[in-house]
PDB file of all heavy atoms in Angstrom:
ATOM      1  N   ALA A   1     161.050 110.931 109.174  1.00  0.00           N
ATOM      2  CA  ALA A   1     162.509 110.872 109.043  1.00  0.00           C
ATOM      3  C   ALA A   1     163.028 109.503 109.470  1.00  0.00           C
ATOM      4  O   ALA A   1     163.976 108.982 108.885  1.00  0.00           O
ATOM      5  CB  ALA A   1     163.165 111.979 109.858  1.00  0.00           C
ATOM      6  N   GLY A   2     162.391 108.932 110.477  1.00  0.00           N
ATOM      7  CA  GLY A   2     162.804 107.610 110.954  1.00  0.00           C
ATOM      8  C   GLY A   2     162.618 106.551 109.890  1.00  0.00           C
ATOM      9  O   GLY A   2     163.463 105.656 109.745  1.00  0.00           O
ATOM     10  N   ALA A   3     161.543 106.658 109.126  1.00  0.00           N
ATOM     11  CA  ALA A   3     161.287 105.691 108.053  1.00  0.00           C
ATOM     12  C   ALA A   3     162.315 105.834 106.941  1.00  0.00           C
ATOM     13  O   ALA A   3     162.772 104.839 106.370  1.00  0.00           O
ATOM     14  CB  ALA A   3     159.890 105.891 107.493  1.00  0.00           C
ATOM     15  N   VAL A   4     162.694 107.077 106.635  1.00  0.00           N
ATOM     16  CA  VAL A   4     163.712 107.302 105.608  1.00  0.00           C
ATOM     17  C   VAL A   4     165.051 106.746 106.063  1.00  0.00           C
ATOM     18  O   VAL A   4     165.770 106.086 105.302  1.00  0.00           O
ATOM     19  CB  VAL A   4     163.846 108.803 105.285  1.00  0.00           C
ATOM     20  CG1 VAL A   4     164.960 109.010 104.246  1.00  0.00           C
ATOM     21  CG2 VAL A   4     162.521 109.363 104.761  1.00  0.00           C
ATOM     22  N   ARG A   5     165.392 107.011 107.341  1.00  0.00           N
ATOM     23  CA  ARG A   5     166.650 106.477 107.872  1.00  0.00           C
ATOM     24  C   ARG A   5     166.664 104.958 107.828  1.00  0.00           C
ATOM     25  O   ARG A   5     167.663 104.341 107.455  1.00  0.00           O
ATOM     26  CB  ARG A   5     166.857 106.957 109.318  1.00  0.00           C
ATOM     27  CG  ARG A   5     167.396 108.375 109.422  1.00  0.00           C
ATOM     28  CD  ARG A   5     167.876 108.647 110.830  1.00  0.00           C
ATOM     29  NE  ARG A   5     166.763 108.669 111.785  1.00  0.00           N
ATOM     30  CZ  ARG A   5     166.059 109.751 112.077  1.00  0.00           C
ATOM     31  NH1 ARG A   5     166.341 110.899 111.492  1.00  0.00           N
ATOM     32  NH2 ARG A   5     165.079 109.686 112.960  1.00  0.00           N
ATOM     33  N   LEU A   6     165.552 104.356 108.236  1.00  0.00           N
ATOM     34  CA  LEU A   6     165.465 102.899 108.233  1.00  0.00           C
ATOM     35  C   LEU A   6     165.625 102.347 106.816  1.00  0.00           C
ATOM     36  O   LEU A   6     166.342 101.364 106.593  1.00  0.00           O
ATOM     37  CB  LEU A   6     164.122 102.448 108.816  1.00  0.00           C
ATOM     38  CG  LEU A   6     163.866 100.933 108.818  1.00  0.00           C
ATOM     39  CD1 LEU A   6     164.941 100.229 109.648  1.00  0.00           C
ATOM     40  CD2 LEU A   6     162.477 100.630 109.372  1.00  0.00           C
ATOM     41  N   ALA A   7     164.973 102.987 105.866  1.00  0.00           N
ATOM     42  CA  ALA A   7     165.073 102.536 104.471  1.00  0.00           C
ATOM     43  C   ALA A   7     166.504 102.677 103.964  1.00  0.00           C
ATOM     44  O   ALA A   7     167.030 101.791 103.287  1.00  0.00           O
ATOM     45  CB  ALA A   7     164.129 103.343 103.588  1.00  0.00           C
ATOM     46  N   GLY A   8     167.149 103.808 104.317  1.00  0.00           N
ATOM     47  CA  GLY A   8     168.516 104.021 103.878  1.00  0.00           C
ATOM     48  C   GLY A   8     169.486 103.013 104.479  1.00  0.00           C
ATOM     49  O   GLY A   8     170.368 102.498 103.777  1.00  0.00           O
ATOM     50  N   ILE A   9     169.319 102.726 105.770  1.00  0.00           N
ATOM     51  CA  ILE A   9     170.181 101.748 106.438  1.00  0.00           C
ATOM     52  C   ILE A   9     169.936 100.359 105.862  1.00  0.00           C
ATOM     53  O   ILE A   9     170.868  99.594 105.607  1.00  0.00           O
ATOM     54  CB  ILE A   9     169.956 101.770 107.959  1.00  0.00           C
ATOM     55  CG1 ILE A   9     170.441 103.110 108.534  1.00  0.00           C
ATOM     56  CG2 ILE A   9     170.687 100.605 108.631  1.00  0.00           C
ATOM     57  CD1 ILE A   9     170.073 103.319 109.996  1.00  0.00           C
ATOM     58  N   ALA A  10     168.654 100.028 105.673  1.00  0.00           N
ATOM     59  CA  ALA A  10     168.314  98.717 105.100  1.00  0.00           C
ATOM     60  C   ALA A  10     168.881  98.578 103.689  1.00  0.00           C
ATOM     61  O   ALA A  10     169.407  97.518 103.306  1.00  0.00           O
ATOM     62  CB  ALA A  10     166.808  98.523 105.086  1.00  0.00           C
ATOM     63  N   GLY A  11     168.797  99.668 102.910  1.00  0.00           N
ATOM     64  CA  GLY A  11     169.337  99.640 101.550  1.00  0.00           C
ATOM     65  C   GLY A  11     170.842  99.453 101.561  1.00  0.00           C
ATOM     66  O   GLY A  11     171.387  98.718 100.724  1.00  0.00           O
ATOM     67  N   LEU A  12     171.505 100.096 102.507  1.00  0.00           N
ATOM     68  CA  LEU A  12     172.958  99.969 102.616  1.00  0.00           C
ATOM     69  C   LEU A  12     173.350  98.538 102.951  1.00  0.00           C
ATOM     70  O   LEU A  12     174.209  97.951 102.302  1.00  0.00           O
ATOM     71  CB  LEU A  12     173.485 100.946 103.681  1.00  0.00           C
ATOM     72  CG  LEU A  12     174.991 101.059 103.870  1.00  0.00           C
ATOM     73  CD1 LEU A  12     175.333 102.424 104.468  1.00  0.00           C
ATOM     74  CD2 LEU A  12     175.561  99.956 104.766  1.00  0.00           C
ATOM     75  N   ILE A  13     172.715  97.992 103.995  1.00  0.00           N
ATOM     76  CA  ILE A  13     173.072  96.642 104.445  1.00  0.00           C
ATOM     77  C   ILE A  13     172.699  95.589 103.410  1.00  0.00           C
ATOM     78  O   ILE A  13     173.514  94.724 103.038  1.00  0.00           O
ATOM     79  CB  ILE A  13     172.406  96.336 105.800  1.00  0.00           C
ATOM     80  CG1 ILE A  13     172.948  97.286 106.878  1.00  0.00           C
ATOM     81  CG2 ILE A  13     172.643  94.885 106.205  1.00  0.00           C
ATOM     82  CD1 ILE A  13     172.227  97.176 108.206  1.00  0.00           C
ATOM     83  N   ALA A  14     171.451  95.656 102.928  1.00  0.00           N
ATOM     84  CA  ALA A  14     170.975  94.658 101.970  1.00  0.00           C
ATOM     85  C   ALA A  14     171.760  94.720 100.674  1.00  0.00           C
ATOM     86  O   ALA A  14     172.160  93.682 100.108  1.00  0.00           O
ATOM     87  CB  ALA A  14     169.487  94.856 101.695  1.00  0.00           C
ATOM     88  N   GLY A  15     172.020  95.940 100.210  1.00  0.00           N
ATOM     89  CA  GLY A  15     172.757  96.085  98.962  1.00  0.00           C
ATOM     90  C   GLY A  15     174.193  95.599  99.086  1.00  0.00           C
ATOM     91  O   GLY A  15     174.732  94.967  98.171  1.00  0.00           O
ATOM     92  N   SER A  16     174.817  95.900 100.219  1.00  0.00           N
ATOM     93  CA  SER A  16     176.208  95.472 100.427  1.00  0.00           C
ATOM     94  C   SER A  16     176.317  93.954 100.462  1.00  0.00           C
ATOM     95  O   SER A  16     177.210  93.365  99.836  1.00  0.00           O
ATOM     96  CB  SER A  16     176.749  96.054 101.736  1.00  0.00           C
ATOM     97  OG  SER A  16     176.776  97.464 101.692  1.00  0.00           O
ATOM     98  N   PHE A  17     175.415  93.309 101.186  1.00  0.00           N
ATOM     99  CA  PHE A  17     175.441  91.857 101.252  1.00  0.00           C
ATOM    100  C   PHE A  17     175.088  91.234  99.899  1.00  0.00           C
ATOM    101  O   PHE A  17     175.666  90.216  99.496  1.00  0.00           O
ATOM    102  CB  PHE A  17     174.480  91.334 102.323  1.00  0.00           C
ATOM    103  CG  PHE A  17     175.081  91.307 103.698  1.00  0.00           C
ATOM    104  CD1 PHE A  17     174.717  92.224 104.655  1.00  0.00           C
ATOM    105  CD2 PHE A  17     176.037  90.342 104.034  1.00  0.00           C
ATOM    106  CE1 PHE A  17     175.286  92.206 105.925  1.00  0.00           C
ATOM    107  CE2 PHE A  17     176.614  90.309 105.290  1.00  0.00           C
ATOM    108  CZ  PHE A  17     176.238  91.238 106.244  1.00  0.00           C
ATOM    109  N   SER A  18     174.166  91.854  99.202  1.00  0.00           N
ATOM    110  CA  SER A  18     173.772  91.344  97.880  1.00  0.00           C
ATOM    111  C   SER A  18     174.943  91.435  96.899  1.00  0.00           C
ATOM    112  O   SER A  18     175.231  90.488  96.161  1.00  0.00           O
ATOM    113  CB  SER A  18     172.587  92.146  97.345  1.00  0.00           C
ATOM    114  OG  SER A  18     172.252  91.736  96.031  1.00  0.00           O
ATOM    115  N   MET A  19     175.630  92.575  96.907  1.00  0.00           N
ATOM    116  CA  MET A  19     176.774  92.744  96.021  1.00  0.00           C
ATOM    117  C   MET A  19     177.882  91.759  96.373  1.00  0.00           C
ATOM    118  O   MET A  19     178.491  91.140  95.489  1.00  0.00           O
ATOM    119  CB  MET A  19     177.297  94.177  96.133  1.00  0.00           C
ATOM    120  CG  MET A  19     176.430  95.216  95.460  1.00  0.00           C
ATOM    121  SD  MET A  19     176.452  95.095  93.647  1.00  0.00           S
ATOM    122  CE  MET A  19     178.147  95.631  93.329  1.00  0.00           C
ATOM    123  N   ALA A  20     178.126  91.593  97.673  1.00  0.00           N
ATOM    124  CA  ALA A  20     179.185  90.682  98.115  1.00  0.00           C
ATOM    125  C   ALA A  20     178.851  89.246  97.727  1.00  0.00           C
ATOM    126  O   ALA A  20     179.709  88.500  97.231  1.00  0.00           O
ATOM    127  CB  ALA A  20     179.385  90.796  99.629  1.00  0.00           C
ATOM    128  N   ALA A  21     177.603  88.851  97.974  1.00  0.00           N
ATOM    129  CA  ALA A  21     177.186  87.484  97.644  1.00  0.00           C
ATOM    130  C   ALA A  21     177.256  87.229  96.144  1.00  0.00           C
ATOM    131  O   ALA A  21     177.748  86.184  95.694  1.00  0.00           O
ATOM    132  CB  ALA A  21     175.761  87.224  98.135  1.00  0.00           C
ATOM    133  N   GLY A  22     176.786  88.188  95.356  1.00  0.00           N
ATOM    134  CA  GLY A  22     176.819  88.038  93.908  1.00  0.00           C
ATOM    135  C   GLY A  22     178.247  87.950  93.379  1.00  0.00           C
ATOM    136  O   GLY A  22     178.546  87.127  92.514  1.00  0.00           O
ATOM    137  N   GLU A  23     179.131  88.800  93.931  1.00  0.00           N
ATOM    138  CA  GLU A  23     180.537  88.780  93.491  1.00  0.00           C
ATOM    139  C   GLU A  23     181.209  87.491  93.895  1.00  0.00           C
ATOM    140  O   GLU A  23     181.997  86.911  93.115  1.00  0.00           O
ATOM    141  CB  GLU A  23     181.279  89.973  94.115  1.00  0.00           C
ATOM    142  CG  GLU A  23     182.670  90.207  93.551  1.00  0.00           C
ATOM    143  CD  GLU A  23     182.639  90.697  92.115  1.00  0.00           C
ATOM    144  OE1 GLU A  23     181.597  91.233  91.670  1.00  0.00           O
ATOM    145  OE2 GLU A  23     183.648  90.541  91.424  1.00  0.00           O
ATOM    146  N   TYR A  24     180.908  86.999  95.112  1.00  0.00           N
ATOM    147  CA  TYR A  24     181.526  85.757  95.576  1.00  0.00           C
ATOM    148  C   TYR A  24     181.112  84.588  94.704  1.00  0.00           C
ATOM    149  O   TYR A  24     181.954  83.787  94.274  1.00  0.00           O
ATOM    150  CB  TYR A  24     181.131  85.479  97.030  1.00  0.00           C
ATOM    151  CG  TYR A  24     181.699  84.183  97.549  1.00  0.00           C
ATOM    152  CD1 TYR A  24     182.997  84.127  98.047  1.00  0.00           C
ATOM    153  CD2 TYR A  24     180.958  83.007  97.506  1.00  0.00           C
ATOM    154  CE1 TYR A  24     183.545  82.922  98.495  1.00  0.00           C
ATOM    155  CE2 TYR A  24     181.490  81.797  97.948  1.00  0.00           C
ATOM    156  CZ  TYR A  24     182.777  81.761  98.450  1.00  0.00           C
ATOM    157  OH  TYR A  24     183.300  80.560  98.882  1.00  0.00           O
ATOM    158  N   ILE A  25     179.810  84.477  94.449  1.00  0.00           N
ATOM    159  CA  ILE A  25     179.296  83.361  93.643  1.00  0.00           C
ATOM    160  C   ILE A  25     179.868  83.420  92.235  1.00  0.00           C
ATOM    161  O   ILE A  25     180.282  82.402  91.661  1.00  0.00           O
ATOM    162  CB  ILE A  25     177.754  83.387  93.592  1.00  0.00           C
ATOM    163  CG1 ILE A  25     177.180  83.074  94.995  1.00  0.00           C
ATOM    164  CG2 ILE A  25     177.226  82.384  92.577  1.00  0.00           C
ATOM    165  CD1 ILE A  25     175.698  83.278  95.099  1.00  0.00           C
ATOM    166  N   SER A  26     179.909  84.636  91.657  1.00  0.00           N
ATOM    167  CA  SER A  26     180.432  84.789  90.299  1.00  0.00           C
ATOM    168  C   SER A  26     181.908  84.404  90.234  1.00  0.00           C
ATOM    169  O   SER A  26     182.321  83.628  89.359  1.00  0.00           O
ATOM    170  CB  SER A  26     180.257  86.242  89.855  1.00  0.00           C
ATOM    171  OG  SER A  26     180.865  86.466  88.601  1.00  0.00           O
ATOM    172  N   MET A  27     182.698  84.936  91.175  1.00  0.00           N
ATOM    173  CA  MET A  27     184.140  84.630  91.168  1.00  0.00           C
ATOM    174  C   MET A  27     184.406  83.166  91.499  1.00  0.00           C
ATOM    175  O   MET A  27     185.321  82.561  90.953  1.00  0.00           O
ATOM    176  CB  MET A  27     184.839  85.536  92.184  1.00  0.00           C
ATOM    177  CG  MET A  27     185.015  86.975  91.727  1.00  0.00           C
ATOM    178  SD  MET A  27     186.157  87.123  90.336  1.00  0.00           S
ATOM    179  CE  MET A  27     187.696  86.634  91.115  1.00  0.00           C
ATOM    180  N   ARG A  28     183.604  82.616  92.424  1.00  0.00           N
ATOM    181  CA  ARG A  28     183.789  81.220  92.786  1.00  0.00           C
ATOM    182  C   ARG A  28     183.508  80.298  91.605  1.00  0.00           C
ATOM    183  O   ARG A  28     184.251  79.346  91.343  1.00  0.00           O
ATOM    184  CB  ARG A  28     182.869  80.860  93.951  1.00  0.00           C
ATOM    185  CG  ARG A  28     183.174  79.505  94.578  1.00  0.00           C
ATOM    186  CD  ARG A  28     184.523  79.483  95.228  1.00  0.00           C
ATOM    187  NE  ARG A  28     184.876  78.176  95.751  1.00  0.00           N
ATOM    188  CZ  ARG A  28     186.039  77.894  96.299  1.00  0.00           C
ATOM    189  NH1 ARG A  28     186.969  78.822  96.391  1.00  0.00           N
ATOM    190  NH2 ARG A  28     186.291  76.685  96.744  1.00  0.00           N
ATOM    191  N   ALA A  29     182.417  80.586  90.890  1.00  0.00           N
ATOM    192  CA  ALA A  29     182.069  79.784  89.722  1.00  0.00           C
ATOM    193  C   ALA A  29     183.148  79.903  88.645  1.00  0.00           C
ATOM    194  O   ALA A  29     183.540  78.903  88.019  1.00  0.00           O
ATOM    195  CB  ALA A  29     180.722  80.219  89.160  1.00  0.00           C
ATOM    196  N   GLN A  30     183.658  81.118  88.450  1.00  0.00           N
ATOM    197  CA  GLN A  30     184.712  81.321  87.466  1.00  0.00           C
ATOM    198  C   GLN A  30     185.974  80.574  87.863  1.00  0.00           C
ATOM    199  O   GLN A  30     186.623  79.945  87.031  1.00  0.00           O
ATOM    200  CB  GLN A  30     185.012  82.817  87.350  1.00  0.00           C
ATOM    201  CG  GLN A  30     186.150  83.151  86.400  1.00  0.00           C
ATOM    202  CD  GLN A  30     186.404  84.644  86.316  1.00  0.00           C
ATOM    203  OE1 GLN A  30     185.506  85.419  86.058  1.00  0.00           O
ATOM    204  NE2 GLN A  30     187.641  85.050  86.554  1.00  0.00           N
TER     205      GLN A  30
END
C-alpha cells in the first residue's frame, strides 16, 4: 500500500508540475 501511495503522490506532484510547465511555456511562446 505504501508503494501505491508513493506512486499516486508522485504522479500527482509530477503531473501537476508538468502540466503547469507545459502550459506556461506554451502560453509564454504564444
